[in-house]
Amino acid sequence: MSKGAVVDFNKCNPSECTQGICPAVEVCPRNILKQDEPGEPPYRLMQCPACGDCAAACPLKAIFISQN
């Protein structure tokens, strides 16, 4: 696994987020997390700068930063 944000899809439950959209999507500075409609947000790990903004914004703590 390379350095970057990782979504734990066992913890990710978009129905618990406002309108089914994860707040982490809105804070990602590079728009790596995408979510056009309610559901699990896809992401592109290879482009992630590992800033941690998404992990801090996720209310379910379903995103963590891998340091490997």
Protein backbone atom coordinates (compact mmCIF):
# COMPACT_ATOMS: atom_id res chain seq x y z
CA MET A 1 0.00 0.00 0.00
CA SER A 2 1.36 3.43 -0.85
CA LYS A 3 1.09 6.62 1.19
CA GLY A 4 -2.33 8.27 0.97
CA ALA A 5 -5.95 8.19 2.11
CA VAL A 6 -7.65 4.84 2.48
CA VAL A 7 -11.41 4.38 2.78
CA ASP A 8 -12.46 1.58 5.13
CA PHE A 9 -15.63 0.47 3.35
CA ASN A 10 -16.61 -1.61 6.40
CA LYS A 11 -17.06 1.67 8.32
CA CYS A 12 -18.24 3.87 5.42
CA ASN A 13 -22.03 4.25 5.56
CA PRO A 14 -23.14 7.18 3.36
CA SER A 15 -26.72 6.94 4.62
CA GLU A 16 -25.46 8.36 7.93
CA CYS A 17 -24.02 11.46 6.23
CA THR A 18 -26.06 14.53 5.30
CA GLN A 19 -27.98 13.74 2.10
CA GLY A 20 -25.81 10.62 1.70
CA ILE A 21 -22.75 12.66 0.73
CA CYS A 22 -19.57 12.32 2.81
CA PRO A 23 -18.22 15.68 4.09
CA ALA A 24 -14.73 14.45 3.21
CA VAL A 25 -15.60 14.88 -0.47
CA GLU A 26 -16.03 18.62 0.00
CA VAL A 27 -12.71 19.19 1.79
CA CYS A 28 -10.40 17.18 -0.48
CA PRO A 29 -8.04 19.81 -1.96
CA ARG A 30 -7.37 17.77 -5.11
CA ASN A 31 -10.90 16.37 -5.60
CA ILE A 32 -9.59 12.84 -5.23
CA LEU A 33 -12.73 11.73 -3.42
CA LYS A 34 -15.68 11.96 -5.79
CA GLN A 35 -19.32 11.45 -5.01
CA ASP A 36 -21.87 12.66 -7.57
CA GLU A 37 -24.73 10.89 -5.82
CA PRO A 38 -25.32 9.15 -2.48
CA GLY A 39 -23.21 6.03 -2.04
CA GLU A 40 -19.65 5.04 -1.23
CA PRO A 41 -17.16 7.63 -2.49
CA PRO A 42 -14.59 6.32 -4.98
CA TYR A 43 -11.08 7.72 -4.77
CA ARG A 44 -7.79 7.68 -6.66
CA LEU A 45 -5.11 6.72 -4.12
CA MET A 46 -2.18 7.36 -6.44
CA GLN A 47 -2.99 11.08 -6.61
CA CYS A 48 -3.51 11.55 -2.86
CA PRO A 49 -1.07 13.91 -1.11
CA ALA A 50 -1.96 12.38 2.31
CA CYS A 51 -2.86 15.78 3.76
CA GLY A 52 -5.41 14.22 6.15
CA ASP A 53 -8.22 16.72 5.49
CA CYS A 54 -10.60 13.96 4.39
CA ALA A 55 -9.82 11.78 7.41
CA ALA A 56 -10.52 14.69 9.75
CA ALA A 57 -13.82 15.48 7.99
CA CYS A 58 -15.25 11.95 7.89
CA PRO A 59 -17.81 11.71 10.72
CA LEU A 60 -17.62 7.90 10.77
CA LYS A 61 -13.80 7.77 10.90
CA ALA A 62 -13.92 5.55 7.83
CA ILE A 63 -10.89 7.24 6.23
CA PHE A 64 -7.33 6.93 7.45
CA ILE A 65 -3.95 7.98 6.09
CA SER A 66 -1.57 5.18 5.19
CA GLN A 67 2.07 6.09 5.74
CA ASN A 68 3.50 3.14 3.75
